[in-house]
Amino acid sequence: MKSSVLDAPARKNLIFLLPGLILYATFVLGPIIAAAVLGFTEWNGISAPKFVWFKNYIELFGDPYFGIALRNNAMLMFFYCVLPLLIGVALASIVSAIKSREQLAIRTLLFMPYIMPSAVLGIIWQWLYNPAFGPINQILKGLGLGALALPWLGDFNFALPAVGIVATWYYFGFCMVIFLTGLQRLDDSVFEAARVDGAGSLYIFRRITLPLLLPEIRIVLLLTIIASIKSFDLIFTMTRGGPANATLVPNIYMYELGFQLGRYGYAASVAIIGAILIFIVNYAVHRFVRPADGV
């Protein structure tokens, strides 16, 4: 007799998988499909959606505010991705050379910002940056550097870097832990052989350590770039996209379009573009950041 499409063990396994599949379809796959369909409509949240097909996307690519949001997001990638990666690699190299007991304390201290909700950190840093009574300006004035005391989050030139510095502080501990894990899997004999051959510390770091850490670098790049594209809560709690759109990013713009202007279809098209950017980034990182053969 021919066996059925699903034998008894397979059917039992499917029964165990069904609850997870139902939850995934309800809370992940369903909203994604709904957003994709909504992006082709005009909807104010009350009346019936009206299909306009690609009108939202055509308007979006001519929207100056969306262009500002993309430009700000690209600039924030430096603070979300590049700086945390560089600081994380440097700190991992330093911390890995410290004794185990002290290393645990330092690692925990540096990782601590990452375990806190970023919205809470945004509120805390908003207070730190306060131009009237914030500790940062008070310290600068106490050191006789009152000329450097600025309205950090209200200045058109410094608002974006001020938010970016907080993002760097939030992510560098996470990057450091990832790189510490990578350093622990490396074979010490490789480094000992390089030292015997007369290689210096900088040469070993550039030619041996970094190439061997490419799997961790790829993970860090993926997670931090995706976090920068999805950035919302930190920026929302600190500046709400201001001043004058100086810190506007696509997710803040999407929130304003949907919940303030009632343009849910147009906001959904912004979300879909963000999802497409994440897929492109994933492909690019997997395509161009490859570990050496045998790593």
C-alpha atoms as a PDB file:
ATOM      1  CA  MET A   1       0.000   0.000   0.000  1.00  0.00           C
ATOM      2  CA  LYS A   2       1.129   3.508  -0.709  1.00  0.00           C
ATOM      3  CA  SER A   3       1.876   5.526   2.373  1.00  0.00           C
ATOM      4  CA  SER A   4      -0.230   8.591   3.027  1.00  0.00           C
ATOM      5  CA  VAL A   5       1.171  12.062   2.473  1.00  0.00           C
ATOM      6  CA  LEU A   6       1.773  12.372   6.206  1.00  0.00           C
ATOM      7  CA  ASP A   7       2.473   9.275   8.253  1.00  0.00           C
ATOM      8  CA  ALA A   8       1.392   9.005  11.898  1.00  0.00           C
ATOM      9  CA  PRO A   9       4.609  10.452  13.460  1.00  0.00           C
ATOM     10  CA  ALA A  10       4.516  13.391  11.041  1.00  0.00           C
ATOM     11  CA  ARG A  11       0.890  14.100  11.899  1.00  0.00           C
ATOM     12  CA  LYS A  12       1.744  14.047  15.604  1.00  0.00           C
ATOM     13  CA  ASN A  13       4.618  16.463  15.030  1.00  0.00           C
ATOM     14  CA  LEU A  14       2.321  18.739  13.059  1.00  0.00           C
ATOM     15  CA  ILE A  15      -0.125  18.825  15.976  1.00  0.00           C
ATOM     16  CA  PHE A  16       2.663  20.058  18.267  1.00  0.00           C
ATOM     17  CA  LEU A  17       3.695  22.685  15.703  1.00  0.00           C
ATOM     18  CA  LEU A  18       0.181  23.991  15.076  1.00  0.00           C
ATOM     19  CA  PRO A  19      -0.064  26.292  18.153  1.00  0.00           C
ATOM     20  CA  GLY A  20       3.173  28.034  17.246  1.00  0.00           C
ATOM     21  CA  LEU A  21       2.191  28.272  13.582  1.00  0.00           C
ATOM     22  CA  ILE A  22      -1.208  29.731  14.484  1.00  0.00           C
ATOM     23  CA  LEU A  23       0.383  32.343  16.777  1.00  0.00           C
ATOM     24  CA  TYR A  24       2.982  33.216  14.103  1.00  0.00           C
ATOM     25  CA  ALA A  25       0.330  33.553  11.403  1.00  0.00           C
ATOM     26  CA  THR A  26      -1.899  35.656  13.673  1.00  0.00           C
ATOM     27  CA  PHE A  27       0.642  38.069  15.130  1.00  0.00           C
ATOM     28  CA  VAL A  28       3.447  38.147  12.519  1.00  0.00           C
ATOM     29  CA  LEU A  29       2.475  36.900   9.074  1.00  0.00           C
ATOM     30  CA  GLY A  30      -1.064  38.301   9.196  1.00  0.00           C
ATOM     31  CA  PRO A  31      -0.046  41.902  10.058  1.00  0.00           C
ATOM     32  CA  ILE A  32       2.699  41.799   7.402  1.00  0.00           C
ATOM     33  CA  ILE A  33       0.211  40.772   4.709  1.00  0.00           C
ATOM     34  CA  ALA A  34      -2.303  43.340   5.992  1.00  0.00           C
ATOM     35  CA  ALA A  35       0.328  46.110   5.844  1.00  0.00           C
ATOM     36  CA  ALA A  36       1.347  45.076   2.317  1.00  0.00           C
ATOM     37  CA  VAL A  37      -2.281  45.233   1.150  1.00  0.00           C
ATOM     38  CA  LEU A  38      -2.924  48.475   3.061  1.00  0.00           C
ATOM     39  CA  GLY A  39       0.038  50.101   1.283  1.00  0.00           C
ATOM     40  CA  PHE A  40      -1.990  50.000  -1.951  1.00  0.00           C
ATOM     41  CA  THR A  41      -4.937  51.848  -0.426  1.00  0.00           C
ATOM     42  CA  GLU A  42      -6.072  55.194   0.878  1.00  0.00           C
ATOM     43  CA  TRP A  43      -7.546  54.734   4.356  1.00  0.00           C
ATOM     44  CA  ASN A  44      -8.245  57.180   7.148  1.00  0.00           C
ATOM     45  CA  GLY A  45      -8.987  54.503   9.749  1.00  0.00           C
ATOM     46  CA  ILE A  46     -12.757  55.072   9.631  1.00  0.00           C
ATOM     47  CA  SER A  47     -14.171  54.705   6.139  1.00  0.00           C
ATOM     48  CA  ALA A  48     -13.618  51.708   3.876  1.00  0.00           C
ATOM     49  CA  PRO A  49     -10.143  51.491   2.312  1.00  0.00           C
ATOM     50  CA  LYS A  50      -9.943  52.621  -1.298  1.00  0.00           C
ATOM     51  CA  PHE A  51      -7.459  50.883  -3.574  1.00  0.00           C
ATOM     52  CA  VAL A  52      -5.112  53.310  -5.317  1.00  0.00           C
ATOM     53  CA  TRP A  53      -2.503  50.680  -6.234  1.00  0.00           C
ATOM     54  CA  PHE A  54       0.955  52.247  -6.669  1.00  0.00           C
ATOM     55  CA  LYS A  55      -0.094  55.859  -6.034  1.00  0.00           C
ATOM     56  CA  ASN A  56       1.298  55.835  -2.476  1.00  0.00           C
ATOM     57  CA  TYR A  57       4.700  54.573  -3.608  1.00  0.00           C
ATOM     58  CA  ILE A  58       4.899  57.041  -6.490  1.00  0.00           C
ATOM     59  CA  GLU A  59       4.059  59.873  -4.095  1.00  0.00           C
ATOM     60  CA  LEU A  60       6.470  58.514  -1.501  1.00  0.00           C
ATOM     61  CA  PHE A  61       9.523  58.720  -3.733  1.00  0.00           C
ATOM     62  CA  GLY A  62       8.735  62.348  -4.468  1.00  0.00           C
ATOM     63  CA  ASP A  63       8.036  63.162  -0.820  1.00  0.00           C
ATOM     64  CA  PRO A  64      10.715  65.568   0.536  1.00  0.00           C
ATOM     65  CA  TYR A  65       9.998  64.556   4.131  1.00  0.00           C
ATOM     66  CA  PHE A  66      10.597  60.901   3.309  1.00  0.00           C
ATOM     67  CA  GLY A  67      13.873  61.923   1.684  1.00  0.00           C
ATOM     68  CA  ILE A  68      14.878  63.777   4.861  1.00  0.00           C
ATOM     69  CA  ALA A  69      13.939  60.718   6.931  1.00  0.00           C
ATOM     70  CA  LEU A  70      16.075  58.404   4.754  1.00  0.00           C
ATOM     71  CA  ARG A  71      19.027  60.800   4.879  1.00  0.00           C
ATOM     72  CA  ASN A  72      18.826  61.048   8.671  1.00  0.00           C
ATOM     73  CA  ASN A  73      18.560  57.263   8.920  1.00  0.00           C
ATOM     74  CA  ALA A  74      21.661  56.854   6.763  1.00  0.00           C
ATOM     75  CA  MET A  75      23.566  59.242   9.038  1.00  0.00           C
ATOM     76  CA  LEU A  76      22.349  57.401  12.140  1.00  0.00           C
ATOM     77  CA  MET A  77      23.795  54.148  10.767  1.00  0.00           C
ATOM     78  CA  PHE A  78      27.233  55.538  11.589  1.00  0.00           C
ATOM     79  CA  PHE A  79      26.221  55.787  15.262  1.00  0.00           C
ATOM     80  CA  TYR A  80      24.179  52.570  15.323  1.00  0.00           C
ATOM     81  CA  CYS A  81      26.609  50.368  13.373  1.00  0.00           C
ATOM     82  CA  VAL A  82      30.099  51.728  12.689  1.00  0.00           C
ATOM     83  CA  LEU A  83      30.969  53.272  16.064  1.00  0.00           C
ATOM     84  CA  PRO A  84      29.548  50.405  18.195  1.00  0.00           C
ATOM     85  CA  LEU A  85      31.398  47.891  16.015  1.00  0.00           C
ATOM     86  CA  LEU A  86      34.744  49.703  16.309  1.00  0.00           C
ATOM     87  CA  ILE A  87      34.352  50.373  20.042  1.00  0.00           C
ATOM     88  CA  GLY A  88      33.108  46.826  20.630  1.00  0.00           C
ATOM     89  CA  VAL A  89      36.120  45.252  18.888  1.00  0.00           C
ATOM     90  CA  ALA A  90      38.547  47.492  20.776  1.00  0.00           C
ATOM     91  CA  LEU A  91      36.902  46.833  24.148  1.00  0.00           C
ATOM     92  CA  ALA A  92      36.716  43.088  23.502  1.00  0.00           C
ATOM     93  CA  SER A  93      40.452  42.993  22.798  1.00  0.00           C
ATOM     94  CA  ILE A  94      41.190  44.921  25.996  1.00  0.00           C
ATOM     95  CA  VAL A  95      38.726  43.101  28.253  1.00  0.00           C
ATOM     96  CA  SER A  96      39.808  39.642  27.012  1.00  0.00           C
ATOM     97  CA  ALA A  97      43.313  40.328  28.382  1.00  0.00           C
ATOM     98  CA  ILE A  98      42.004  41.090  31.899  1.00  0.00           C
ATOM     99  CA  LYS A  99      41.789  38.462  34.635  1.00  0.00           C
ATOM    100  CA  SER A 100      38.561  36.488  34.753  1.00  0.00           C
ATOM    101  CA  ARG A 101      37.082  37.995  37.948  1.00  0.00           C
ATOM    102  CA  GLU A 102      37.711  41.608  36.938  1.00  0.00           C
ATOM    103  CA  GLN A 103      36.676  40.780  33.378  1.00  0.00           C
ATOM    104  CA  LEU A 104      33.217  39.652  34.541  1.00  0.00           C
ATOM    105  CA  ALA A 105      32.650  42.900  36.452  1.00  0.00           C
ATOM    106  CA  ILE A 106      33.823  45.121  33.576  1.00  0.00           C
ATOM    107  CA  ARG A 107      31.871  43.141  31.002  1.00  0.00           C
ATOM    108  CA  THR A 108      28.693  43.382  33.086  1.00  0.00           C
ATOM    109  CA  LEU A 109      29.156  47.127  33.621  1.00  0.00           C
ATOM    110  CA  LEU A 110      29.689  47.837  29.913  1.00  0.00           C
ATOM    111  CA  PHE A 111      26.810  45.590  28.841  1.00  0.00           C
ATOM    112  CA  MET A 112      24.359  47.089  31.334  1.00  0.00           C
ATOM    113  CA  PRO A 113      22.946  49.861  29.059  1.00  0.00           C
ATOM    114  CA  TYR A 114      21.781  47.220  26.578  1.00  0.00           C
ATOM    115  CA  ILE A 115      19.554  45.439  29.113  1.00  0.00           C
ATOM    116  CA  MET A 116      17.571  48.617  29.781  1.00  0.00           C
ATOM    117  CA  PRO A 117      14.602  49.630  27.578  1.00  0.00           C
ATOM    118  CA  SER A 118      15.775  52.181  25.027  1.00  0.00           C
ATOM    119  CA  ALA A 119      12.675  54.324  25.669  1.00  0.00           C
ATOM    120  CA  VAL A 120      13.713  54.662  29.320  1.00  0.00           C
ATOM    121  CA  LEU A 121      17.248  55.553  28.284  1.00  0.00           C
ATOM    122  CA  GLY A 122      15.842  58.178  25.929  1.00  0.00           C
ATOM    123  CA  ILE A 123      14.011  59.861  28.828  1.00  0.00           C
ATOM    124  CA  ILE A 124      17.136  59.725  31.003  1.00  0.00           C
ATOM    125  CA  TRP A 125      19.355  61.216  28.288  1.00  0.00           C
ATOM    126  CA  GLN A 126      16.762  63.869  27.517  1.00  0.00           C
ATOM    127  CA  TRP A 127      17.246  65.008  31.114  1.00  0.00           C
ATOM    128  CA  LEU A 128      21.045  64.759  30.822  1.00  0.00           C
ATOM    129  CA  TYR A 129      20.954  66.954  27.687  1.00  0.00           C
ATOM    130  CA  ASN A 130      18.596  69.536  29.231  1.00  0.00           C
ATOM    131  CA  PRO A 131      20.113  72.979  28.450  1.00  0.00           C
ATOM    132  CA  ALA A 132      18.946  74.597  31.715  1.00  0.00           C
ATOM    133  CA  PHE A 133      19.692  72.051  34.435  1.00  0.00           C
ATOM    134  CA  GLY A 134      21.102  69.007  32.618  1.00  0.00           C
ATOM    135  CA  PRO A 135      24.306  67.556  34.135  1.00  0.00           C
ATOM    136  CA  ILE A 136      26.212  67.710  30.840  1.00  0.00           C
ATOM    137  CA  ASN A 137      25.899  71.488  30.488  1.00  0.00           C
ATOM    138  CA  GLN A 138      26.395  71.987  34.229  1.00  0.00           C
ATOM    139  CA  ILE A 139      29.684  70.070  34.096  1.00  0.00           C
ATOM    140  CA  LEU A 140      30.835  72.056  31.056  1.00  0.00           C
ATOM    141  CA  LYS A 141      30.041  75.329  32.819  1.00  0.00           C
ATOM    142  CA  GLY A 142      31.792  74.134  35.987  1.00  0.00           C
ATOM    143  CA  LEU A 143      34.932  73.413  33.940  1.00  0.00           C
ATOM    144  CA  GLY A 144      34.862  76.900  32.437  1.00  0.00           C
ATOM    145  CA  LEU A 145      33.630  75.596  29.062  1.00  0.00           C
ATOM    146  CA  GLY A 146      30.316  77.432  29.094  1.00  0.00           C
ATOM    147  CA  ALA A 147      30.684  78.230  25.395  1.00  0.00           C
ATOM    148  CA  LEU A 148      30.255  74.512  24.675  1.00  0.00           C
ATOM    149  CA  ALA A 149      27.034  74.292  26.716  1.00  0.00           C
ATOM    150  CA  LEU A 150      24.402  73.980  23.980  1.00  0.00           C
ATOM    151  CA  PRO A 151      20.712  73.112  23.717  1.00  0.00           C
ATOM    152  CA  TRP A 152      21.814  69.730  22.363  1.00  0.00           C
ATOM    153  CA  LEU A 153      18.425  68.337  21.394  1.00  0.00           C
ATOM    154  CA  GLY A 154      17.145  71.713  20.194  1.00  0.00           C
ATOM    155  CA  ASP A 155      20.063  72.542  17.919  1.00  0.00           C
ATOM    156  CA  PHE A 156      19.593  71.761  14.223  1.00  0.00           C
ATOM    157  CA  ASN A 157      23.236  70.708  13.813  1.00  0.00           C
ATOM    158  CA  PHE A 158      23.759  68.742  17.028  1.00  0.00           C
ATOM    159  CA  ALA A 159      20.373  67.060  17.628  1.00  0.00           C
ATOM    160  CA  LEU A 160      21.065  64.082  15.364  1.00  0.00           C
ATOM    161  CA  PRO A 161      24.619  63.427  16.662  1.00  0.00           C
ATOM    162  CA  ALA A 162      23.337  63.843  20.242  1.00  0.00           C
ATOM    163  CA  VAL A 163      20.761  61.099  19.665  1.00  0.00           C
ATOM    164  CA  GLY A 164      23.339  59.030  17.791  1.00  0.00           C
ATOM    165  CA  ILE A 165      25.787  59.127  20.693  1.00  0.00           C
ATOM    166  CA  VAL A 166      23.111  57.603  22.927  1.00  0.00           C
ATOM    167  CA  ALA A 167      22.556  54.836  20.353  1.00  0.00           C
ATOM    168  CA  THR A 168      26.309  54.169  20.282  1.00  0.00           C
ATOM    169  CA  TRP A 169      26.405  53.996  24.085  1.00  0.00           C
ATOM    170  CA  TYR A 170      23.431  51.615  23.990  1.00  0.00           C
ATOM    171  CA  TYR A 171      24.908  49.162  21.453  1.00  0.00           C
ATOM    172  CA  PHE A 172      28.678  49.087  22.023  1.00  0.00           C
ATOM    173  CA  GLY A 173      28.362  46.798  25.082  1.00  0.00           C
ATOM    174  CA  PHE A 174      26.283  44.360  23.051  1.00  0.00           C
ATOM    175  CA  CYS A 175      28.895  44.378  20.268  1.00  0.00           C
ATOM    176  CA  MET A 176      31.677  43.866  22.826  1.00  0.00           C
ATOM    177  CA  VAL A 177      29.987  40.729  24.255  1.00  0.00           C
ATOM    178  CA  ILE A 178      29.534  39.280  20.751  1.00  0.00           C
ATOM    179  CA  PHE A 179      33.216  39.846  19.969  1.00  0.00           C
ATOM    180  CA  LEU A 180      34.308  38.462  23.339  1.00  0.00           C
ATOM    181  CA  THR A 181      32.409  35.279  22.498  1.00  0.00           C
ATOM    182  CA  GLY A 182      34.207  35.166  19.157  1.00  0.00           C
ATOM    183  CA  LEU A 183      37.615  35.644  20.756  1.00  0.00           C
ATOM    184  CA  GLN A 184      36.966  32.754  23.125  1.00  0.00           C
ATOM    185  CA  ARG A 185      36.468  30.322  20.227  1.00  0.00           C
ATOM    186  CA  LEU A 186      39.778  31.249  18.547  1.00  0.00           C
ATOM    187  CA  ASP A 187      42.721  28.877  18.881  1.00  0.00           C
ATOM    188  CA  ASP A 188      45.537  30.402  20.976  1.00  0.00           C
ATOM    189  CA  SER A 189      48.133  28.419  19.028  1.00  0.00           C
ATOM    190  CA  VAL A 190      47.551  30.640  15.987  1.00  0.00           C
ATOM    191  CA  PHE A 191      48.485  33.749  17.953  1.00  0.00           C
ATOM    192  CA  GLU A 192      51.434  32.039  19.647  1.00  0.00           C
ATOM    193  CA  ALA A 193      52.809  30.986  16.255  1.00  0.00           C
ATOM    194  CA  ALA A 194      52.465  34.561  14.970  1.00  0.00           C
ATOM    195  CA  ARG A 195      54.330  35.931  18.003  1.00  0.00           C
ATOM    196  CA  VAL A 196      57.103  33.363  17.529  1.00  0.00           C
ATOM    197  CA  ASP A 197      57.443  34.563  13.940  1.00  0.00           C
ATOM    198  CA  GLY A 198      57.939  38.102  15.250  1.00  0.00           C
ATOM    199  CA  ALA A 199      54.527  39.567  14.481  1.00  0.00           C
ATOM    200  CA  GLY A 200      53.547  42.608  16.543  1.00  0.00           C
ATOM    201  CA  SER A 201      50.253  43.113  18.352  1.00  0.00           C
ATOM    202  CA  LEU A 202      48.834  45.486  15.710  1.00  0.00           C
ATOM    203  CA  TYR A 203      49.759  43.133  12.874  1.00  0.00           C
ATOM    204  CA  ILE A 204      48.174  40.165  14.686  1.00  0.00           C
ATOM    205  CA  PHE A 205      45.014  42.176  15.275  1.00  0.00           C
ATOM    206  CA  ARG A 206      44.698  43.324  11.641  1.00  0.00           C
ATOM    207  CA  ARG A 207      45.808  40.149   9.864  1.00  0.00           C
ATOM    208  CA  ILE A 208      44.622  37.392  12.181  1.00  0.00           C
ATOM    209  CA  THR A 209      42.072  38.517  14.760  1.00  0.00           C
ATOM    210  CA  LEU A 210      39.794  40.578  12.502  1.00  0.00           C
ATOM    211  CA  PRO A 211      39.596  37.988   9.664  1.00  0.00           C
ATOM    212  CA  LEU A 212      38.801  35.251  12.193  1.00  0.00           C
ATOM    213  CA  LEU A 213      36.081  37.442  13.729  1.00  0.00           C
ATOM    214  CA  LEU A 214      34.237  37.922  10.431  1.00  0.00           C
ATOM    215  CA  PRO A 215      31.287  35.693  11.509  1.00  0.00           C
ATOM    216  CA  GLU A 216      30.769  37.898  14.579  1.00  0.00           C
ATOM    217  CA  ILE A 217      31.255  41.067  12.521  1.00  0.00           C
ATOM    218  CA  ARG A 218      28.541  39.874  10.153  1.00  0.00           C
ATOM    219  CA  ILE A 219      26.143  39.217  13.048  1.00  0.00           C
ATOM    220  CA  VAL A 220      26.849  42.641  14.566  1.00  0.00           C
ATOM    221  CA  LEU A 221      26.355  44.397  11.231  1.00  0.00           C
ATOM    222  CA  LEU A 222      23.076  42.615  10.577  1.00  0.00           C
ATOM    223  CA  LEU A 223      21.604  43.362  13.988  1.00  0.00           C
ATOM    224  CA  THR A 224      22.771  46.972  14.284  1.00  0.00           C
ATOM    225  CA  ILE A 225      21.834  47.983  10.732  1.00  0.00           C
ATOM    226  CA  ILE A 226      18.385  46.462  11.173  1.00  0.00           C
ATOM    227  CA  ALA A 227      18.094  48.286  14.520  1.00  0.00           C
ATOM    228  CA  SER A 228      18.999  51.581  12.842  1.00  0.00           C
ATOM    229  CA  ILE A 229      16.381  51.097  10.116  1.00  0.00           C
ATOM    230  CA  LYS A 230      13.767  50.195  12.768  1.00  0.00           C
ATOM    231  CA  SER A 231      14.804  53.029  15.117  1.00  0.00           C
ATOM    232  CA  PHE A 232      11.829  54.659  16.786  1.00  0.00           C
ATOM    233  CA  ASP A 233      11.534  54.563  20.581  1.00  0.00           C
ATOM    234  CA  LEU A 234      14.867  56.201  21.429  1.00  0.00           C
ATOM    235  CA  ILE A 235      14.312  59.044  18.957  1.00  0.00           C
ATOM    236  CA  PHE A 236      10.642  59.424  19.845  1.00  0.00           C
ATOM    237  CA  THR A 237      11.312  59.831  23.572  1.00  0.00           C
ATOM    238  CA  MET A 238      14.202  62.244  23.019  1.00  0.00           C
ATOM    239  CA  THR A 239      13.156  64.524  20.150  1.00  0.00           C
ATOM    240  CA  ARG A 240       9.999  63.174  18.437  1.00  0.00           C
ATOM    241  CA  GLY A 241      11.753  63.828  15.145  1.00  0.00           C
ATOM    242  CA  GLY A 242      12.547  67.488  15.853  1.00  0.00           C
ATOM    243  CA  PRO A 243      13.735  70.127  15.811  1.00  0.00           C
ATOM    244  CA  ALA A 244      12.274  70.898  12.371  1.00  0.00           C
ATOM    245  CA  ASN A 245      12.685  67.256  11.229  1.00  0.00           C
ATOM    246  CA  ALA A 246      16.403  67.237  12.110  1.00  0.00           C
ATOM    247  CA  THR A 247      15.996  63.771  13.654  1.00  0.00           C
ATOM    248  CA  LEU A 248      13.082  62.550  11.531  1.00  0.00           C
ATOM    249  CA  VAL A 249      13.465  58.873  10.525  1.00  0.00           C
ATOM    250  CA  PRO A 250      11.092  56.652   8.495  1.00  0.00           C
ATOM    251  CA  ASN A 251       9.462  55.032  11.543  1.00  0.00           C
ATOM    252  CA  ILE A 252       8.780  58.412  13.164  1.00  0.00           C
ATOM    253  CA  TYR A 253       7.391  59.653   9.845  1.00  0.00           C
ATOM    254  CA  MET A 254       5.216  56.535   9.585  1.00  0.00           C
ATOM    255  CA  TYR A 255       3.858  57.185  13.095  1.00  0.00           C
ATOM    256  CA  GLU A 256       3.047  60.813  12.243  1.00  0.00           C
ATOM    257  CA  LEU A 257       1.325  59.852   8.993  1.00  0.00           C
ATOM    258  CA  GLY A 258      -0.800  57.162  10.581  1.00  0.00           C
ATOM    259  CA  PHE A 259      -1.661  58.297  14.089  1.00  0.00           C
ATOM    260  CA  GLN A 260      -1.548  62.081  13.642  1.00  0.00           C
ATOM    261  CA  LEU A 261      -2.635  62.635  10.026  1.00  0.00           C
ATOM    262  CA  GLY A 262      -4.835  59.560   9.578  1.00  0.00           C
ATOM    263  CA  ARG A 263      -3.078  58.466   6.366  1.00  0.00           C
ATOM    264  CA  TYR A 264      -2.801  54.786   7.231  1.00  0.00           C
ATOM    265  CA  GLY A 265      -2.367  53.559   3.675  1.00  0.00           C
ATOM    266  CA  TYR A 266       0.485  55.977   3.022  1.00  0.00           C
ATOM    267  CA  ALA A 267       2.049  55.073   6.384  1.00  0.00           C
ATOM    268  CA  ALA A 268       1.850  51.374   5.486  1.00  0.00           C
ATOM    269  CA  SER A 269       3.785  52.058   2.282  1.00  0.00           C
ATOM    270  CA  VAL A 270       6.548  53.631   4.397  1.00  0.00           C
ATOM    271  CA  ALA A 271       6.616  50.454   6.514  1.00  0.00           C
ATOM    272  CA  ILE A 272       6.875  48.254   3.421  1.00  0.00           C
ATOM    273  CA  ILE A 273       9.797  50.305   2.084  1.00  0.00           C
ATOM    274  CA  GLY A 274      11.500  49.862   5.462  1.00  0.00           C
ATOM    275  CA  ALA A 275      10.982  46.093   5.277  1.00  0.00           C
ATOM    276  CA  ILE A 276      12.423  46.032   1.743  1.00  0.00           C
ATOM    277  CA  LEU A 277      15.480  47.967   2.951  1.00  0.00           C
ATOM    278  CA  ILE A 278      16.002  45.391   5.709  1.00  0.00           C
ATOM    279  CA  PHE A 279      15.896  42.555   3.166  1.00  0.00           C
ATOM    280  CA  ILE A 280      18.386  44.392   0.943  1.00  0.00           C
ATOM    281  CA  VAL A 281      20.729  44.948   3.898  1.00  0.00           C
ATOM    282  CA  ASN A 282      20.473  41.286   4.895  1.00  0.00           C
ATOM    283  CA  TYR A 283      21.385  40.204   1.368  1.00  0.00           C
ATOM    284  CA  ALA A 284      24.254  42.690   1.082  1.00  0.00           C
ATOM    285  CA  VAL A 285      25.810  41.685   4.420  1.00  0.00           C
ATOM    286  CA  HIS A 286      25.498  37.960   3.669  1.00  0.00           C
ATOM    287  CA  ARG A 287      26.866  38.522   0.170  1.00  0.00           C
ATOM    288  CA  PHE A 288      29.863  40.731   0.919  1.00  0.00           C
ATOM    289  CA  VAL A 289      30.839  39.969   4.545  1.00  0.00           C
ATOM    290  CA  ARG A 290      31.943  36.371   4.292  1.00  0.00           C
ATOM    291  CA  PRO A 291      34.235  34.506   6.693  1.00  0.00           C
ATOM    292  CA  ALA A 292      37.359  32.926   5.295  1.00  0.00           C
ATOM    293  CA  ASP A 293      37.192  29.285   4.218  1.00  0.00           C
ATOM    294  CA  GLY A 294      37.464  26.968   7.168  1.00  0.00           C
ATOM    295  CA  VAL A 295      36.415  29.575   9.763  1.00  0.00           C
END
